[in-house]
Amino acid sequence: MKKTGLALLIILMSAAMVFGQQQITIRWAYWGSESRVKRSQEAINLFEAANPGIKVNPEISGGTGDHFNKVDTQLAGGSGPDIIQMGGNINDYVKRGVLLPLEKYSGTILNTTVIDPSAIESGTIDGHLYGVSTGVTMPALVYNKSLIQRVGAPLPKVSMTYEEFRNYLVTLKSKLPPGVYPMQDIGALSSNSTPFGYWTRYNGTPLYDAATKTTAVKPADAQKYLELFKDYRNNGLVPPADIAAGYAETNADTSMVIAGKAAIGFIWTNQLAGYQAATTDELCLMEFPGAAATKALWQAPSQFYTVNKNSKYPEAAVKFINFLVNSPEAARVLGNDRGASASATARAAGATDINDRKVLEYLDVAGPHSSKETDHVPNDTEFNSTLFLIYQKVAFGQISTAAGGQQIYDLIVRLIKK
């Protein structure tokens, strides 16, 4: 009886351990298009199959604005996700003290030896590794090659000056049918600090220097940027403000290019596959104008995987991050959706997708036309949202470009001092 009882106890304890393992659920908050959601779920399935004691529950937002608003609310209520996808605003969350330093997992759960040193450096803040880079990405203009060919217009060159680019938009406008515009209004993006940041680099007046806590931008510089797009708008090279406002431009599902209403738009290189999946037309990449002469482009960590410092299962979260970043199996399904991989083991899987190859071809051209990324303005999320509102007021004719330039300058200064 004693032996039977002992055996039964062992069986019950083993069952309890398995049951307990099955209850470990980690939450992964990220944003992205339908294509990213599909790829991410495939990676989750692979991970869960290899780790039956861990379940991954994705919490998905369509764009960065919704994502961070939701995450901020959850963190404030003490119910933040275990893994939080971050962008260039990772510094803000480090300052808030909500992220877990990951260096203690390096060499055990997290293999950092196969990740490019520059990628490790980009996620290291104040001597601690807070973010693991999802990969490298670059700003780009995406164009609908099929549409341009159908209307009989010439294809754009990958590299152009601003004068050449405007002339090309005029030529393209003459070929496009009514209601289809040469370019989306990239200044009207909710993440418009990227095109504005590019233009300030091109203009020789970078947005922010963290070492001196200063900006090189003056009101007149911001005004020039607003006047650039006012010229495009007045000449029908981008849509009127009310039409542009109808497209959220947070992903392929809300894109004017994908809707067939604009020939050229803005994306990050890691978004190409998601946009291509949303249309039967062929999409290709080109540089922002002026990049070749000024090296105003930059390579950046696409995003970061970070861990909530209050996660109940930090080891499981880091294990999943290591899988996403370093596993060849994950690399095959994720592709370049979150950037060209910074992991040698992941890159070994090779680029089998045509869109991934297009990204690599673009990086070969645009890489030499890039320089070190400018520091992000503090309170990056607030900067984006307020810059968007100022731009819209100018676009709708509520304020002048001069007033808009002054408001942008005042915003940058206020956020630096905040």
Protein backbone atom coordinates (compact mmCIF):
# COMPACT_ATOMS: atom_id res chain seq x y z
CA MET A 1 0.00 0.00 0.00
CA LYS A 2 2.80 2.36 0.92
CA LYS A 3 4.49 1.74 -2.44
CA THR A 4 1.19 2.22 -4.27
CA GLY A 5 0.53 5.41 -2.36
CA LEU A 6 4.03 6.68 -3.10
CA ALA A 7 3.67 5.88 -6.79
CA LEU A 8 0.32 7.65 -6.89
CA LEU A 9 1.84 10.67 -5.17
CA ILE A 10 4.66 10.80 -7.72
CA ILE A 11 2.16 10.58 -10.58
CA LEU A 12 0.05 13.36 -9.08
CA MET A 13 3.13 15.54 -8.50
CA SER A 14 4.32 14.98 -12.08
CA ALA A 15 0.88 15.83 -13.42
CA ALA A 16 0.83 18.97 -11.30
CA MET A 17 4.22 20.01 -12.66
CA VAL A 18 3.06 19.51 -16.25
CA PHE A 19 -0.19 21.30 -15.47
CA GLY A 20 1.77 24.11 -13.91
CA GLN A 21 3.97 24.40 -16.99
CA GLN A 22 0.93 24.62 -19.21
CA GLN A 23 -0.26 27.60 -17.22
CA ILE A 24 2.80 29.74 -18.00
CA THR A 25 1.48 32.36 -20.40
CA ILE A 26 3.59 35.29 -21.50
CA ARG A 27 2.03 38.32 -23.19
CA TRP A 28 3.70 39.88 -26.21
CA ALA A 29 2.58 43.40 -27.18
CA TYR A 30 3.46 44.61 -30.66
CA TRP A 31 2.04 46.59 -33.57
CA GLY A 32 1.89 45.78 -37.25
CA SER A 33 -0.01 44.87 -40.38
CA GLU A 34 -1.90 41.69 -41.19
CA SER A 35 1.25 40.28 -42.77
CA ARG A 36 3.25 40.86 -39.58
CA VAL A 37 0.50 39.28 -37.51
CA LYS A 38 0.57 36.18 -39.71
CA ARG A 39 4.36 35.89 -39.62
CA SER A 40 4.48 36.47 -35.88
CA GLN A 41 1.86 33.79 -35.23
CA GLU A 42 3.86 31.30 -37.28
CA ALA A 43 6.89 32.05 -35.09
CA ILE A 44 4.76 31.66 -31.96
CA ASN A 45 3.55 28.27 -33.18
CA LEU A 46 7.12 27.09 -33.75
CA PHE A 47 8.20 28.27 -30.30
CA GLU A 48 5.25 26.73 -28.50
CA ALA A 49 5.82 23.41 -30.28
CA ALA A 50 9.42 23.35 -29.01
CA ASN A 51 8.46 24.69 -25.56
CA PRO A 52 5.16 23.05 -24.56
CA GLY A 53 5.31 24.57 -21.09
CA ILE A 54 5.09 28.13 -22.42
CA LYS A 55 2.17 29.78 -24.18
CA VAL A 56 2.59 33.12 -25.93
CA ASN A 57 -0.41 35.43 -26.05
CA PRO A 58 0.01 38.24 -28.63
CA GLU A 59 -1.55 41.64 -27.95
CA ILE A 60 -1.64 43.43 -31.28
CA SER A 61 -2.21 47.06 -32.26
CA GLY A 62 -2.51 48.41 -35.79
CA GLY A 63 0.00 51.24 -35.32
CA THR A 64 2.49 52.72 -32.89
CA GLY A 65 0.07 55.29 -31.47
CA ASP A 66 -2.51 52.72 -30.41
CA HIS A 67 0.22 50.37 -29.21
CA PHE A 68 1.90 52.78 -26.84
CA ASN A 69 -1.34 54.28 -25.58
CA LYS A 70 -2.53 50.79 -24.65
CA VAL A 71 0.81 49.73 -23.15
CA ASP A 72 1.05 52.94 -21.10
CA THR A 73 -2.43 52.36 -19.70
CA GLN A 74 -1.56 48.75 -18.84
CA LEU A 75 1.73 49.70 -17.19
CA ALA A 76 0.05 52.42 -15.16
CA GLY A 77 -2.48 49.87 -13.92
CA GLY A 78 0.15 47.29 -13.04
CA SER A 79 -0.95 44.90 -15.78
CA GLY A 80 1.69 45.49 -18.44
CA PRO A 81 2.61 42.77 -20.97
CA ASP A 82 5.71 40.64 -20.44
CA ILE A 83 7.33 41.53 -23.75
CA ILE A 84 6.89 45.03 -25.17
CA GLN A 85 7.90 45.93 -28.69
CA MET A 86 9.68 49.30 -28.62
CA GLY A 87 10.85 51.78 -31.22
CA GLY A 88 13.11 54.79 -30.99
CA ASN A 89 11.36 55.83 -27.79
CA ILE A 90 13.00 53.05 -25.75
CA ASN A 91 15.00 55.68 -23.84
CA ASP A 92 11.79 57.20 -22.51
CA TYR A 93 10.73 53.87 -21.02
CA VAL A 94 14.17 53.26 -19.54
CA LYS A 95 13.92 56.63 -17.80
CA ARG A 96 10.51 55.64 -16.45
CA GLY A 97 12.07 52.55 -14.92
CA VAL A 98 9.62 50.05 -16.42
CA LEU A 99 12.06 47.86 -18.36
CA LEU A 100 14.14 44.91 -17.13
CA PRO A 101 17.93 44.90 -17.70
CA LEU A 102 18.73 41.79 -19.74
CA GLU A 103 22.51 41.43 -19.48
CA LYS A 104 22.23 38.88 -16.66
CA TYR A 105 20.63 36.47 -19.16
CA SER A 106 23.42 36.95 -21.73
CA GLY A 107 25.36 33.74 -22.26
CA THR A 108 22.63 31.56 -20.77
CA ILE A 109 19.08 32.12 -22.00
CA LEU A 110 20.05 34.93 -24.39
CA ASN A 111 22.85 34.31 -26.91
CA THR A 112 24.33 37.74 -27.58
CA THR A 113 27.61 36.44 -29.04
CA VAL A 114 26.01 35.94 -32.47
CA ILE A 115 24.29 39.35 -32.53
CA ASP A 116 26.11 42.23 -34.24
CA PRO A 117 27.91 44.43 -31.68
CA SER A 118 26.27 47.57 -33.10
CA ALA A 119 22.85 46.02 -32.49
CA ILE A 120 23.78 45.22 -28.88
CA GLU A 121 25.08 48.77 -28.48
CA SER A 122 21.84 50.25 -29.81
CA GLY A 123 19.86 48.52 -27.08
CA THR A 124 22.34 49.32 -24.31
CA ILE A 125 21.46 52.40 -22.27
CA ASP A 126 23.40 53.66 -19.26
CA GLY A 127 25.49 50.49 -19.29
CA HIS A 128 22.54 48.07 -19.26
CA LEU A 129 21.06 45.98 -22.07
CA TYR A 130 17.37 46.90 -22.10
CA GLY A 131 16.43 46.07 -25.67
CA VAL A 132 17.32 43.33 -28.14
CA SER A 133 17.24 44.65 -31.70
CA THR A 134 14.67 43.00 -33.96
CA GLY A 135 16.87 43.89 -36.95
CA VAL A 136 18.12 46.81 -39.01
CA THR A 137 15.85 48.99 -41.11
CA MET A 138 16.07 52.22 -43.12
CA PRO A 139 13.57 54.87 -44.21
CA ALA A 140 12.57 54.54 -47.85
CA LEU A 141 10.07 55.66 -50.41
CA VAL A 142 7.98 52.83 -51.84
CA TYR A 143 6.55 53.14 -55.33
CA ASN A 144 3.95 51.18 -57.26
CA LYS A 145 5.95 49.96 -60.23
CA SER A 146 2.96 48.32 -61.91
CA LEU A 147 0.80 51.45 -61.67
CA ILE A 148 3.54 53.67 -63.07
CA GLN A 149 4.12 51.30 -65.97
CA ARG A 150 0.38 51.04 -66.70
CA VAL A 151 0.04 54.80 -67.14
CA GLY A 152 3.13 54.96 -69.36
CA ALA A 153 5.27 57.06 -67.04
CA PRO A 154 9.01 56.47 -66.62
CA LEU A 155 10.13 54.59 -63.53
CA PRO A 156 11.90 56.71 -60.92
CA LYS A 157 15.63 56.55 -60.31
CA VAL A 158 16.61 55.08 -56.96
CA SER A 159 18.63 58.22 -56.12
CA MET A 160 17.52 61.76 -57.03
CA THR A 161 18.08 65.34 -55.93
CA TYR A 162 15.09 67.29 -54.59
CA GLU A 163 14.87 69.19 -57.90
CA GLU A 164 14.91 65.94 -59.89
CA PHE A 165 12.35 64.42 -57.56
CA ARG A 166 9.92 67.34 -57.92
CA ASN A 167 10.30 67.26 -61.70
CA TYR A 168 9.57 63.54 -61.64
CA LEU A 169 6.41 64.10 -59.57
CA VAL A 170 5.24 66.68 -62.15
CA THR A 171 5.83 64.20 -64.98
CA LEU A 172 4.04 61.47 -63.06
CA LYS A 173 1.07 63.75 -62.35
CA SER A 174 0.61 64.35 -66.08
CA LYS A 175 0.18 60.61 -66.64
CA LEU A 176 -1.96 59.60 -63.66
CA PRO A 177 -5.78 59.58 -63.84
CA PRO A 178 -7.83 62.06 -61.77
CA GLY A 179 -8.01 61.10 -58.10
CA VAL A 180 -4.62 59.35 -58.12
CA TYR A 181 -1.72 61.42 -56.81
CA PRO A 182 2.01 61.14 -57.48
CA MET A 183 2.81 60.85 -53.76
CA GLN A 184 1.03 60.51 -50.45
CA ASP A 185 1.47 63.48 -48.11
CA ILE A 186 4.24 61.93 -46.03
CA GLY A 187 4.27 65.00 -43.79
CA ALA A 188 0.78 64.06 -42.62
CA LEU A 189 1.86 60.73 -41.12
CA SER A 190 1.15 60.09 -37.45
CA SER A 191 4.83 59.06 -37.28
CA ASN A 192 5.91 62.15 -39.21
CA SER A 193 8.99 62.78 -37.09
CA THR A 194 10.77 60.39 -39.48
CA PRO A 195 10.29 62.37 -42.73
CA PHE A 196 10.77 65.61 -40.78
CA GLY A 197 13.87 64.17 -39.11
CA TYR A 198 15.24 63.16 -42.51
CA TRP A 199 14.64 66.62 -43.92
CA THR A 200 16.39 68.33 -40.98
CA ARG A 201 19.42 66.09 -41.54
CA TYR A 202 19.35 66.94 -45.26
CA ASN A 203 19.05 70.61 -44.29
CA GLY A 204 22.11 70.36 -42.02
CA THR A 205 20.04 71.16 -38.92
CA PRO A 206 19.64 67.87 -36.99
CA LEU A 207 16.75 67.65 -34.56
CA TYR A 208 18.55 66.89 -31.32
CA ASP A 209 21.98 66.41 -29.76
CA ALA A 210 21.66 64.46 -26.53
CA ALA A 211 25.18 65.37 -25.40
CA THR A 212 24.45 69.10 -25.39
CA LYS A 213 20.66 68.81 -25.05
CA THR A 214 20.18 71.23 -27.93
CA THR A 215 18.53 71.38 -31.34
CA ALA A 216 19.97 72.86 -34.52
CA VAL A 217 16.48 73.50 -35.87
CA LYS A 218 15.25 77.10 -35.94
CA PRO A 219 11.72 78.32 -36.70
CA ALA A 220 12.77 79.25 -40.24
CA ASP A 221 14.06 75.69 -40.85
CA ALA A 222 10.78 74.10 -39.79
CA GLN A 223 8.94 76.66 -41.92
CA LYS A 224 10.97 75.60 -44.99
CA TYR A 225 9.85 72.00 -44.42
CA LEU A 226 6.21 73.04 -44.21
CA GLU A 227 6.57 75.16 -47.34
CA LEU A 228 8.07 72.20 -49.23
CA PHE A 229 4.90 70.21 -48.75
CA LYS A 230 2.66 73.23 -49.25
CA ASP A 231 4.21 73.56 -52.70
CA TYR A 232 3.56 69.87 -53.38
CA ARG A 233 -0.02 70.27 -52.14
CA ASN A 234 -0.75 73.44 -54.14
CA ASN A 235 0.46 71.77 -57.34
CA GLY A 236 -1.40 68.48 -56.90
CA LEU A 237 1.74 66.47 -56.31
CA VAL A 238 0.30 65.23 -53.00
CA PRO A 239 -3.42 65.09 -52.14
CA PRO A 240 -5.37 67.92 -50.50
CA ALA A 241 -5.40 67.83 -46.71
CA ASP A 242 -8.92 66.41 -46.43
CA ILE A 243 -8.13 63.49 -48.75
CA ALA A 244 -4.78 62.77 -47.08
CA ALA A 245 -6.50 62.76 -43.69
CA GLY A 246 -8.67 59.86 -44.85
CA TYR A 247 -5.70 57.51 -44.77
CA ALA A 248 -4.22 56.74 -41.36
CA GLU A 249 -1.01 55.41 -42.99
CA THR A 250 -0.25 53.26 -39.94
CA ASN A 251 0.21 50.10 -42.02
CA ALA A 252 -0.61 48.58 -45.40
CA ASP A 253 -4.30 48.32 -44.54
CA THR A 254 -4.59 52.12 -44.24
CA SER A 255 -2.14 53.09 -46.98
CA MET A 256 -2.95 55.41 -49.85
CA VAL A 257 -0.43 53.56 -52.04
CA ILE A 258 -2.09 50.22 -51.38
CA ALA A 259 -5.51 51.77 -51.98
CA GLY A 260 -4.27 52.74 -55.45
CA LYS A 261 -4.66 56.46 -54.79
CA ALA A 262 -0.94 57.39 -54.72
CA ALA A 263 2.04 56.11 -56.68
CA ILE A 264 4.70 56.84 -54.05
CA GLY A 265 4.65 56.65 -50.26
CA PHE A 266 6.85 56.29 -47.21
CA ILE A 267 7.69 53.06 -45.42
CA TRP A 268 10.51 51.52 -43.44
CA THR A 269 12.31 48.80 -45.38
CA ASN A 270 11.08 46.10 -43.02
CA GLN A 271 7.49 46.95 -44.03
CA LEU A 272 7.91 46.08 -47.71
CA ALA A 273 6.74 42.47 -47.44
CA GLY A 274 3.62 43.49 -45.53
CA TYR A 275 2.73 46.14 -48.09
CA GLN A 276 3.46 43.83 -51.02
CA ALA A 277 1.21 41.16 -49.52
CA ALA A 278 -1.67 43.64 -49.61
CA THR A 279 -1.55 44.28 -53.37
CA THR A 280 -1.09 42.37 -56.62
CA ASP A 281 0.86 45.30 -58.08
CA GLU A 282 4.64 45.16 -57.78
CA LEU A 283 6.21 47.51 -55.25
CA CYS A 284 9.82 48.73 -55.26
CA LEU A 285 12.00 51.01 -53.13
CA MET A 286 13.78 54.29 -53.75
CA GLU A 287 15.68 56.77 -51.59
CA PHE A 288 14.45 60.02 -50.11
CA PRO A 289 15.66 62.81 -52.42
CA GLY A 290 19.07 64.28 -51.69
CA ALA A 291 20.41 61.32 -49.77
CA ALA A 292 23.34 60.59 -52.05
CA ALA A 293 24.82 64.08 -51.62
CA THR A 294 24.15 64.55 -47.91
CA LYS A 295 24.19 61.03 -46.39
CA ALA A 296 21.02 62.10 -44.58
CA LEU A 297 19.62 58.56 -44.43
CA TRP A 298 20.38 56.30 -41.49
CA GLN A 299 20.30 52.68 -40.54
CA ALA A 300 18.40 52.06 -37.35
CA PRO A 301 17.25 49.22 -35.19
CA SER A 302 13.83 48.50 -36.62
CA GLN A 303 12.40 47.91 -33.17
CA PHE A 304 13.45 46.37 -29.88
CA TYR A 305 12.17 43.45 -27.85
CA THR A 306 12.04 44.55 -24.22
CA VAL A 307 10.83 42.89 -21.02
CA ASN A 308 8.55 44.46 -18.44
CA LYS A 309 10.50 44.66 -15.15
CA ASN A 310 7.38 43.39 -13.36
CA SER A 311 6.99 40.33 -15.57
CA LYS A 312 6.12 37.20 -13.59
CA TYR A 313 8.02 35.06 -16.08
CA PRO A 314 11.11 36.99 -17.19
CA GLU A 315 13.10 33.86 -18.05
CA ALA A 316 10.36 32.59 -20.35
CA ALA A 317 10.07 36.04 -21.94
CA VAL A 318 13.82 36.20 -22.61
CA LYS A 319 13.79 32.64 -23.95
CA PHE A 320 11.11 33.63 -26.47
CA ILE A 321 13.05 36.76 -27.45
CA ASN A 322 16.18 34.65 -28.01
CA PHE A 323 14.11 32.38 -30.27
CA LEU A 324 12.73 35.30 -32.29
CA VAL A 325 16.14 36.88 -32.75
CA ASN A 326 18.51 33.95 -33.16
CA SER A 327 16.55 30.95 -34.42
CA PRO A 328 16.94 30.13 -38.15
CA GLU A 329 13.45 28.62 -38.01
CA ALA A 330 12.01 31.90 -36.75
CA ALA A 331 14.06 33.85 -39.29
CA ARG A 332 12.52 31.89 -42.16
CA VAL A 333 8.98 32.85 -41.20
CA LEU A 334 9.65 36.38 -39.90
CA GLY A 335 11.84 37.45 -42.82
CA ASN A 336 12.75 41.15 -42.81
CA ASP A 337 9.38 42.21 -41.41
CA ARG A 338 11.03 43.69 -38.30
CA GLY A 339 14.29 44.53 -40.05
CA ALA A 340 17.21 42.76 -41.67
CA SER A 341 18.45 40.42 -38.97
CA ALA A 342 21.40 41.43 -36.78
CA SER A 343 21.98 37.80 -35.77
CA ALA A 344 24.54 35.65 -37.61
CA THR A 345 22.60 32.46 -36.90
CA ALA A 346 19.35 33.95 -38.17
CA ARG A 347 21.00 35.36 -41.31
CA ALA A 348 22.33 31.89 -42.04
CA ALA A 349 18.76 30.92 -42.92
CA GLY A 350 19.14 33.02 -46.09
CA ALA A 351 16.73 35.35 -47.89
CA THR A 352 14.29 33.22 -49.84
CA ASP A 353 11.59 35.87 -50.25
CA ILE A 354 11.76 38.28 -53.20
CA ASN A 355 10.81 41.21 -50.98
CA ASP A 356 13.65 40.40 -48.57
CA ARG A 357 16.02 40.41 -51.55
CA LYS A 358 14.65 43.80 -52.67
CA VAL A 359 15.34 45.18 -49.20
CA LEU A 360 18.92 43.90 -49.29
CA GLU A 361 19.40 45.45 -52.74
CA TYR A 362 18.08 48.77 -51.44
CA LEU A 363 20.39 48.61 -48.43
CA ASP A 364 23.34 48.09 -50.78
CA VAL A 365 22.52 51.41 -52.50
CA ALA A 366 21.21 53.44 -49.57
CA GLY A 367 23.67 52.17 -46.97
CA PRO A 368 26.55 54.26 -48.33
CA HIS A 369 24.20 57.27 -48.35
CA SER A 370 23.61 57.03 -44.61
CA SER A 371 25.28 58.34 -41.48
CA LYS A 372 24.88 57.84 -37.73
CA GLU A 373 21.29 58.27 -36.60
CA THR A 374 20.43 61.57 -34.93
CA ASP A 375 19.45 61.35 -31.27
CA HIS A 376 15.72 61.14 -30.69
CA VAL A 377 13.97 64.15 -29.19
CA PRO A 378 12.96 63.33 -25.59
CA ASN A 379 9.34 62.27 -25.14
CA ASP A 380 9.27 60.86 -28.65
CA THR A 381 5.60 59.83 -28.58
CA GLU A 382 4.44 63.32 -27.61
CA PHE A 383 6.71 64.84 -30.25
CA ASN A 384 5.10 62.73 -32.98
CA SER A 385 1.53 63.40 -31.94
CA THR A 386 1.99 67.16 -31.51
CA LEU A 387 4.05 67.55 -34.69
CA PHE A 388 1.22 65.79 -36.52
CA LEU A 389 -1.33 68.28 -35.15
CA ILE A 390 0.80 71.29 -36.11
CA TYR A 391 1.33 69.94 -39.62
CA GLN A 392 -2.39 69.33 -40.04
CA LYS A 393 -3.23 72.89 -38.97
CA VAL A 394 -0.91 74.18 -41.69
CA ALA A 395 -2.23 71.71 -44.28
CA PHE A 396 -5.84 72.72 -43.60
CA GLY A 397 -4.95 76.41 -43.79
CA GLN A 398 -5.69 77.13 -40.13
CA ILE A 399 -2.24 78.65 -39.53
CA SER A 400 0.55 79.90 -41.78
CA THR A 401 3.77 78.03 -42.49
CA ALA A 402 5.61 80.68 -40.45
CA ALA A 403 3.35 80.11 -37.45
CA GLY A 404 3.71 76.35 -37.91
CA GLY A 405 7.49 76.64 -38.03
CA GLN A 406 7.50 78.61 -34.79
CA GLN A 407 5.20 76.09 -33.10
CA ILE A 408 7.42 73.17 -34.15
CA TYR A 409 10.48 74.96 -32.79
CA ASP A 410 8.70 75.75 -29.51
CA LEU A 411 7.61 72.10 -29.25
CA ILE A 412 11.17 70.78 -29.68
CA VAL A 413 12.55 73.21 -27.10
CA ARG A 414 9.78 72.42 -24.63
CA LEU A 415 10.32 68.66 -24.91
CA ILE A 416 14.08 69.04 -24.47
CA LYS A 417 13.53 71.03 -21.29
CA LYS A 418 10.74 68.79 -20.00
